[in-house]
Amino acid sequence: MTDDNYQFGTSQVLPSGKDKREDYRLTARARAWIQRESPEPGANQDELAGKVTLECQIRDISARGLSLVIAEPLSVNSLLMAEVSLGLQPKGFELMVEVMWCREADEGYLVGIRVLESDDTDYLDWMEAVAAALSEG
């Protein structure tokens, strides 16, 4: 499977046992990077890269949220910046997200995040990209 292969649904049961999303989901090999904290003004970005950013594997995607596999837990209700990379897009989408749930799993932590509409993010481009991927399914 390449980064641009998508399919509907997910074969794994959500940790809570209930699906609370209203949208269809895509499963895809895509990556996300979550900023755990905002860097201080003037900080050297190269030095901070591994300290404040966590790389995540995406389990599934919808227009309004993502399910992630991540190495470290995230605080529920926290608002964080994320960059999401989809295979067909030339650059990642910068998004504001809210952590909805976080549960320990065999491979680290499963995390559900909601994509928030926010100025100075790629929210509208994200919505269009997910809609286009859904229409191809």
N, C-alpha and C. Protein backbone atom coordinates (compact mmCIF):
# COMPACT_ATOMS: atom_id res chain seq x y z
N MET A 1 0.85 -1.18 0.00
CA MET A 1 0.00 0.00 0.00
C MET A 1 0.89 1.23 0.00
N THR A 2 0.60 2.16 -0.85
CA THR A 2 1.36 3.40 -0.91
C THR A 2 0.57 4.49 -0.21
N ASP A 3 1.19 5.65 -0.05
CA ASP A 3 0.54 6.75 0.65
C ASP A 3 -0.74 7.21 -0.02
N ASP A 4 -0.91 6.93 -1.30
CA ASP A 4 -2.10 7.41 -1.99
C ASP A 4 -3.19 6.35 -2.14
N ASN A 5 -3.07 5.22 -1.46
CA ASN A 5 -4.12 4.21 -1.48
C ASN A 5 -5.06 4.44 -0.31
N TYR A 6 -6.35 4.55 -0.61
CA TYR A 6 -7.34 4.79 0.42
C TYR A 6 -8.42 3.73 0.32
N GLN A 7 -9.09 3.47 1.43
CA GLN A 7 -10.25 2.60 1.41
C GLN A 7 -11.20 3.06 2.49
N PHE A 8 -12.46 2.67 2.38
CA PHE A 8 -13.46 3.06 3.36
C PHE A 8 -13.35 2.20 4.60
N GLY A 9 -13.68 2.80 5.74
CA GLY A 9 -13.79 2.05 6.99
C GLY A 9 -12.47 1.72 7.61
N THR A 10 -12.56 0.92 8.65
CA THR A 10 -11.39 0.44 9.35
C THR A 10 -11.69 -0.95 9.86
N SER A 11 -10.72 -1.84 9.82
CA SER A 11 -10.94 -3.20 10.25
C SER A 11 -10.79 -3.36 11.76
N GLN A 12 -10.27 -2.36 12.43
CA GLN A 12 -10.05 -2.46 13.86
C GLN A 12 -11.14 -1.73 14.62
N VAL A 13 -11.52 -2.30 15.76
CA VAL A 13 -12.53 -1.68 16.61
C VAL A 13 -11.89 -0.53 17.36
N LEU A 14 -12.60 0.58 17.47
CA LEU A 14 -12.08 1.72 18.22
C LEU A 14 -11.93 1.34 19.68
N PRO A 15 -10.97 1.91 20.38
CA PRO A 15 -10.72 1.56 21.77
C PRO A 15 -11.94 1.71 22.67
N SER A 16 -12.77 2.69 22.44
CA SER A 16 -13.94 2.89 23.29
C SER A 16 -15.06 1.92 22.95
N GLY A 17 -14.92 1.21 21.83
CA GLY A 17 -15.95 0.29 21.40
C GLY A 17 -17.08 0.98 20.66
N LYS A 18 -17.05 2.30 20.57
CA LYS A 18 -18.11 3.05 19.89
C LYS A 18 -17.50 4.03 18.91
N ASP A 19 -18.17 4.17 17.80
CA ASP A 19 -17.76 5.13 16.78
C ASP A 19 -18.55 6.41 17.00
N LYS A 20 -17.88 7.48 17.37
CA LYS A 20 -18.57 8.73 17.66
C LYS A 20 -18.50 9.73 16.52
N ARG A 21 -17.82 9.36 15.43
CA ARG A 21 -17.72 10.28 14.30
C ARG A 21 -18.92 10.15 13.38
N GLU A 22 -19.32 11.26 12.81
CA GLU A 22 -20.46 11.28 11.91
C GLU A 22 -20.03 11.09 10.46
N ASP A 23 -18.77 11.25 10.14
CA ASP A 23 -18.28 11.21 8.77
C ASP A 23 -17.76 9.82 8.42
N TYR A 24 -17.75 9.53 7.10
CA TYR A 24 -17.06 8.34 6.63
C TYR A 24 -15.58 8.52 6.91
N ARG A 25 -14.88 7.40 7.02
CA ARG A 25 -13.45 7.44 7.26
C ARG A 25 -12.70 6.81 6.12
N LEU A 26 -11.50 7.26 5.94
CA LEU A 26 -10.56 6.65 5.00
C LEU A 26 -9.44 6.05 5.81
N THR A 27 -9.02 4.85 5.44
CA THR A 27 -7.80 4.34 6.03
C THR A 27 -6.70 4.57 5.01
N ALA A 28 -5.56 5.00 5.47
CA ALA A 28 -4.50 5.35 4.54
C ALA A 28 -3.15 5.26 5.22
N ARG A 29 -2.15 5.07 4.43
CA ARG A 29 -0.79 5.19 4.95
C ARG A 29 -0.40 6.64 4.79
N ALA A 30 -0.52 7.34 5.85
CA ALA A 30 -0.19 8.76 5.86
C ALA A 30 0.53 9.02 7.17
N ARG A 31 1.16 10.15 7.27
CA ARG A 31 1.92 10.50 8.47
C ARG A 31 1.43 11.83 9.01
N ALA A 32 1.60 11.96 10.31
CA ALA A 32 1.27 13.23 10.96
C ALA A 32 2.39 13.54 11.94
N TRP A 33 2.58 14.82 12.17
CA TRP A 33 3.54 15.30 13.16
C TRP A 33 2.77 16.23 14.09
N ILE A 34 2.80 15.92 15.37
CA ILE A 34 2.08 16.70 16.37
C ILE A 34 3.09 17.52 17.17
N GLN A 35 2.83 18.81 17.30
CA GLN A 35 3.66 19.66 18.16
C GLN A 35 3.12 19.55 19.58
N ARG A 36 3.90 18.96 20.48
CA ARG A 36 3.47 18.81 21.87
C ARG A 36 3.44 20.14 22.60
N GLU A 37 4.27 21.06 22.17
CA GLU A 37 4.31 22.39 22.78
C GLU A 37 4.82 23.38 21.76
N SER A 38 4.45 24.60 21.95
CA SER A 38 4.92 25.65 21.04
C SER A 38 6.34 26.04 21.41
N PRO A 39 7.22 26.19 20.42
CA PRO A 39 8.58 26.61 20.73
C PRO A 39 8.62 28.06 21.19
N GLU A 40 9.63 28.38 21.96
CA GLU A 40 9.84 29.76 22.41
C GLU A 40 10.20 30.63 21.21
N PRO A 41 9.80 31.89 21.21
CA PRO A 41 10.18 32.79 20.11
C PRO A 41 11.70 32.84 19.96
N GLY A 42 12.17 32.75 18.74
CA GLY A 42 13.60 32.81 18.47
C GLY A 42 14.35 31.52 18.69
N ALA A 43 13.64 30.45 19.06
CA ALA A 43 14.31 29.17 19.31
C ALA A 43 14.81 28.58 18.00
N ASN A 44 15.92 27.85 18.07
CA ASN A 44 16.49 27.19 16.90
C ASN A 44 15.60 26.00 16.55
N GLN A 45 14.94 26.06 15.38
CA GLN A 45 13.99 25.02 14.98
C GLN A 45 14.65 23.65 14.81
N ASP A 46 15.90 23.60 14.34
CA ASP A 46 16.58 22.32 14.16
C ASP A 46 16.80 21.62 15.49
N GLU A 47 17.16 22.36 16.52
CA GLU A 47 17.38 21.78 17.84
C GLU A 47 16.08 21.31 18.48
N LEU A 48 14.98 21.98 18.17
CA LEU A 48 13.70 21.66 18.78
C LEU A 48 12.95 20.54 18.08
N ALA A 49 13.34 20.21 16.86
CA ALA A 49 12.56 19.29 16.03
C ALA A 49 12.17 18.01 16.75
N GLY A 50 13.11 17.32 17.37
CA GLY A 50 12.80 16.07 18.04
C GLY A 50 12.23 16.23 19.43
N LYS A 51 12.35 17.41 20.01
CA LYS A 51 11.92 17.62 21.39
C LYS A 51 10.45 17.98 21.51
N VAL A 52 9.93 18.73 20.57
CA VAL A 52 8.55 19.20 20.70
C VAL A 52 7.61 18.57 19.67
N THR A 53 8.14 17.82 18.71
CA THR A 53 7.31 17.23 17.66
C THR A 53 7.36 15.72 17.74
N LEU A 54 6.18 15.10 17.69
CA LEU A 54 6.07 13.64 17.67
C LEU A 54 5.57 13.19 16.31
N GLU A 55 6.25 12.23 15.70
CA GLU A 55 5.76 11.66 14.45
C GLU A 55 4.74 10.57 14.78
N CYS A 56 3.66 10.53 14.03
CA CYS A 56 2.56 9.60 14.29
C CYS A 56 2.22 8.83 13.03
N GLN A 57 1.68 7.65 13.22
CA GLN A 57 1.10 6.90 12.11
C GLN A 57 -0.40 7.14 12.14
N ILE A 58 -0.99 7.39 11.00
CA ILE A 58 -2.43 7.63 10.94
C ILE A 58 -3.14 6.30 10.69
N ARG A 59 -4.12 5.99 11.54
CA ARG A 59 -4.94 4.79 11.35
C ARG A 59 -6.06 5.05 10.38
N ASP A 60 -6.79 6.14 10.59
CA ASP A 60 -7.85 6.50 9.67
C ASP A 60 -8.10 8.00 9.72
N ILE A 61 -8.77 8.47 8.67
CA ILE A 61 -8.96 9.90 8.45
C ILE A 61 -10.41 10.17 8.12
N SER A 62 -10.93 11.26 8.66
CA SER A 62 -12.21 11.80 8.19
C SER A 62 -12.00 13.30 8.04
N ALA A 63 -12.98 13.99 7.50
CA ALA A 63 -12.83 15.43 7.32
C ALA A 63 -12.65 16.14 8.65
N ARG A 64 -13.28 15.63 9.69
CA ARG A 64 -13.24 16.31 10.98
C ARG A 64 -12.28 15.72 12.00
N GLY A 65 -11.61 14.62 11.67
CA GLY A 65 -10.73 14.05 12.67
C GLY A 65 -9.82 12.97 12.15
N LEU A 66 -8.92 12.52 13.04
CA LEU A 66 -7.94 11.49 12.73
C LEU A 66 -7.83 10.55 13.90
N SER A 67 -7.49 9.32 13.61
CA SER A 67 -7.11 8.36 14.64
C SER A 67 -5.63 8.06 14.42
N LEU A 68 -4.83 8.21 15.46
CA LEU A 68 -3.38 8.11 15.36
C LEU A 68 -2.81 7.02 16.24
N VAL A 69 -1.66 6.51 15.85
CA VAL A 69 -0.83 5.67 16.71
C VAL A 69 0.41 6.51 17.00
N ILE A 70 0.71 6.68 18.28
CA ILE A 70 1.78 7.59 18.68
C ILE A 70 2.57 6.97 19.83
N ALA A 71 3.83 7.32 19.97
CA ALA A 71 4.71 6.72 20.97
C ALA A 71 4.45 7.22 22.39
N GLU A 72 3.98 8.44 22.54
CA GLU A 72 3.78 9.04 23.86
C GLU A 72 2.34 9.50 24.01
N PRO A 73 1.83 9.51 25.24
CA PRO A 73 0.44 9.97 25.43
C PRO A 73 0.31 11.47 25.24
N LEU A 74 -0.88 11.88 24.83
CA LEU A 74 -1.22 13.30 24.72
C LEU A 74 -2.35 13.59 25.69
N SER A 75 -2.38 14.79 26.23
CA SER A 75 -3.40 15.18 27.20
C SER A 75 -4.73 15.43 26.50
N VAL A 76 -5.78 14.79 27.01
CA VAL A 76 -7.12 14.98 26.46
C VAL A 76 -7.52 16.45 26.62
N ASN A 77 -8.20 16.98 25.64
CA ASN A 77 -8.67 18.37 25.55
C ASN A 77 -7.57 19.37 25.19
N SER A 78 -6.34 18.91 24.99
CA SER A 78 -5.29 19.87 24.63
C SER A 78 -5.45 20.28 23.16
N LEU A 79 -5.12 21.53 22.89
CA LEU A 79 -5.13 22.08 21.54
C LEU A 79 -3.70 22.12 21.05
N LEU A 80 -3.45 21.48 19.91
CA LEU A 80 -2.09 21.34 19.40
C LEU A 80 -2.05 21.62 17.90
N MET A 81 -0.89 21.98 17.42
CA MET A 81 -0.69 22.12 15.97
C MET A 81 -0.21 20.77 15.43
N ALA A 82 -0.68 20.45 14.23
CA ALA A 82 -0.29 19.20 13.58
C ALA A 82 0.00 19.48 12.11
N GLU A 83 0.86 18.66 11.54
CA GLU A 83 1.06 18.65 10.10
C GLU A 83 0.73 17.25 9.62
N VAL A 84 -0.15 17.16 8.64
CA VAL A 84 -0.59 15.87 8.11
C VAL A 84 -0.16 15.78 6.66
N SER A 85 0.51 14.69 6.31
CA SER A 85 1.01 14.49 4.96
C SER A 85 0.23 13.36 4.30
N LEU A 86 -0.43 13.67 3.18
CA LEU A 86 -1.12 12.67 2.37
C LEU A 86 -0.33 12.47 1.09
N GLY A 87 -0.33 11.26 0.57
CA GLY A 87 0.51 10.90 -0.56
C GLY A 87 0.35 11.74 -1.81
N LEU A 88 -0.86 12.15 -2.14
CA LEU A 88 -1.09 12.87 -3.39
C LEU A 88 -0.82 14.36 -3.30
N GLN A 89 -0.65 14.87 -2.11
CA GLN A 89 -0.50 16.31 -1.92
C GLN A 89 0.98 16.69 -1.93
N PRO A 90 1.33 17.81 -2.57
CA PRO A 90 2.74 18.21 -2.65
C PRO A 90 3.33 18.63 -1.30
N LYS A 91 2.50 19.08 -0.37
CA LYS A 91 3.01 19.47 0.95
C LYS A 91 2.00 19.05 2.01
N GLY A 92 2.45 19.04 3.25
CA GLY A 92 1.56 18.67 4.35
C GLY A 92 0.55 19.76 4.66
N PHE A 93 -0.50 19.37 5.37
CA PHE A 93 -1.54 20.30 5.81
C PHE A 93 -1.24 20.70 7.25
N GLU A 94 -1.14 21.99 7.51
CA GLU A 94 -0.95 22.49 8.87
C GLU A 94 -2.33 22.70 9.47
N LEU A 95 -2.61 22.00 10.58
CA LEU A 95 -3.95 22.01 11.17
C LEU A 95 -3.88 22.23 12.67
N MET A 96 -4.92 22.87 13.21
CA MET A 96 -5.11 22.97 14.65
C MET A 96 -6.00 21.78 15.03
N VAL A 97 -5.59 21.03 16.06
CA VAL A 97 -6.35 19.84 16.46
C VAL A 97 -6.59 19.85 17.96
N GLU A 98 -7.64 19.13 18.36
CA GLU A 98 -7.95 18.93 19.77
C GLU A 98 -7.89 17.44 20.06
N VAL A 99 -7.21 17.07 21.14
CA VAL A 99 -7.13 15.67 21.54
C VAL A 99 -8.44 15.29 22.22
N MET A 100 -9.15 14.33 21.64
CA MET A 100 -10.45 13.91 22.15
C MET A 100 -10.34 12.73 23.11
N TRP A 101 -9.43 11.82 22.82
CA TRP A 101 -9.20 10.67 23.69
C TRP A 101 -7.79 10.14 23.45
N CYS A 102 -7.26 9.42 24.43
CA CYS A 102 -5.93 8.83 24.34
C CYS A 102 -5.93 7.57 25.19
N ARG A 103 -5.57 6.43 24.57
CA ARG A 103 -5.59 5.15 25.28
C ARG A 103 -4.32 4.36 24.97
N GLU A 104 -3.80 3.70 25.98
CA GLU A 104 -2.62 2.87 25.80
C GLU A 104 -2.97 1.67 24.93
N ALA A 105 -2.03 1.28 24.07
CA ALA A 105 -2.21 0.13 23.17
C ALA A 105 -0.88 -0.60 23.05
N ASP A 106 -0.91 -1.76 22.41
CA ASP A 106 0.30 -2.55 22.24
C ASP A 106 1.41 -1.78 21.53
N GLU A 107 1.04 -1.00 20.54
CA GLU A 107 2.02 -0.29 19.72
C GLU A 107 2.34 1.12 20.21
N GLY A 108 1.89 1.49 21.38
CA GLY A 108 2.10 2.83 21.93
C GLY A 108 0.80 3.36 22.49
N TYR A 109 0.29 4.42 21.89
CA TYR A 109 -0.98 5.01 22.30
C TYR A 109 -1.84 5.25 21.08
N LEU A 110 -3.13 4.98 21.23
CA LEU A 110 -4.11 5.32 20.21
C LEU A 110 -4.72 6.64 20.62
N VAL A 111 -4.77 7.58 19.69
CA VAL A 111 -5.23 8.93 20.00
C VAL A 111 -6.26 9.36 18.96
N GLY A 112 -7.36 9.90 19.43
CA GLY A 112 -8.36 10.48 18.55
C GLY A 112 -8.27 11.99 18.61
N ILE A 113 -8.11 12.62 17.46
CA ILE A 113 -8.03 14.08 17.43
C ILE A 113 -9.09 14.63 16.49
N ARG A 114 -9.58 15.79 16.84
CA ARG A 114 -10.57 16.50 16.03
C ARG A 114 -9.87 17.67 15.35
N VAL A 115 -10.12 17.83 14.06
CA VAL A 115 -9.56 18.95 13.30
C VAL A 115 -10.44 20.17 13.53
N LEU A 116 -9.83 21.26 13.95
CA LEU A 116 -10.56 22.49 14.26
C LEU A 116 -10.42 23.51 13.14
N GLU A 117 -11.49 24.22 12.89
CA GLU A 117 -11.43 25.33 11.94
C GLU A 117 -10.67 26.46 12.63
N SER A 118 -9.63 26.94 11.98
CA SER A 118 -8.79 27.96 12.60
C SER A 118 -8.12 28.80 11.52
N ASP A 119 -7.99 30.09 11.79
CA ASP A 119 -7.28 30.97 10.87
C ASP A 119 -5.82 30.55 10.79
N ASP A 120 -5.18 30.89 9.70
CA ASP A 120 -3.76 30.61 9.49
C ASP A 120 -3.43 29.12 9.52
N THR A 121 -4.41 28.27 9.17
CA THR A 121 -4.15 26.84 9.00
C THR A 121 -4.63 26.44 7.62
N ASP A 122 -4.42 25.18 7.28
CA ASP A 122 -4.84 24.66 5.97
C ASP A 122 -6.18 23.94 6.07
N TYR A 123 -7.06 24.40 6.96
CA TYR A 123 -8.33 23.73 7.22
C TYR A 123 -9.16 23.53 5.94
N LEU A 124 -9.36 24.57 5.15
CA LEU A 124 -10.20 24.45 3.95
C LEU A 124 -9.56 23.52 2.91
N ASP A 125 -8.26 23.61 2.74
CA ASP A 125 -7.56 22.71 1.82
C ASP A 125 -7.68 21.26 2.29
N TRP A 126 -7.59 21.05 3.61
CA TRP A 126 -7.75 19.72 4.20
C TRP A 126 -9.14 19.15 3.89
N MET A 127 -10.17 19.96 4.12
CA MET A 127 -11.54 19.52 3.86
C MET A 127 -11.71 19.13 2.39
N GLU A 128 -11.15 19.92 1.49
CA GLU A 128 -11.24 19.63 0.06
C GLU A 128 -10.49 18.35 -0.30
N ALA A 129 -9.31 18.14 0.28
CA ALA A 129 -8.52 16.95 -0.03
C ALA A 129 -9.23 15.68 0.45
N VAL A 130 -9.81 15.73 1.65
CA VAL A 130 -10.53 14.56 2.16
C VAL A 130 -11.79 14.31 1.32
N ALA A 131 -12.50 15.36 0.95
CA ALA A 131 -13.69 15.21 0.10
C ALA A 131 -13.31 14.58 -1.24
N ALA A 132 -12.20 15.01 -1.82
CA ALA A 132 -11.74 14.44 -3.10
C ALA A 132 -11.39 12.97 -2.94
N ALA A 133 -10.72 12.61 -1.85
CA ALA A 133 -10.37 11.21 -1.60
C ALA A 133 -11.62 10.36 -1.40
N LEU A 134 -12.62 10.89 -0.71
CA LEU A 134 -13.87 10.16 -0.51
C LEU A 134 -14.60 9.94 -1.83
N SER A 135 -14.57 10.92 -2.70
CA SER A 135 -15.28 10.79 -3.98
C SER A 135 -14.60 9.78 -4.91
N GLU A 136 -13.30 9.55 -4.69
CA GLU A 136 -12.57 8.55 -5.49
C GLU A 136 -12.86 7.14 -5.02
N GLY A 137 -13.31 6.99 -3.74
CA GLY A 137 -13.56 5.68 -3.15
C GLY A 137 -14.72 5.02 -3.75
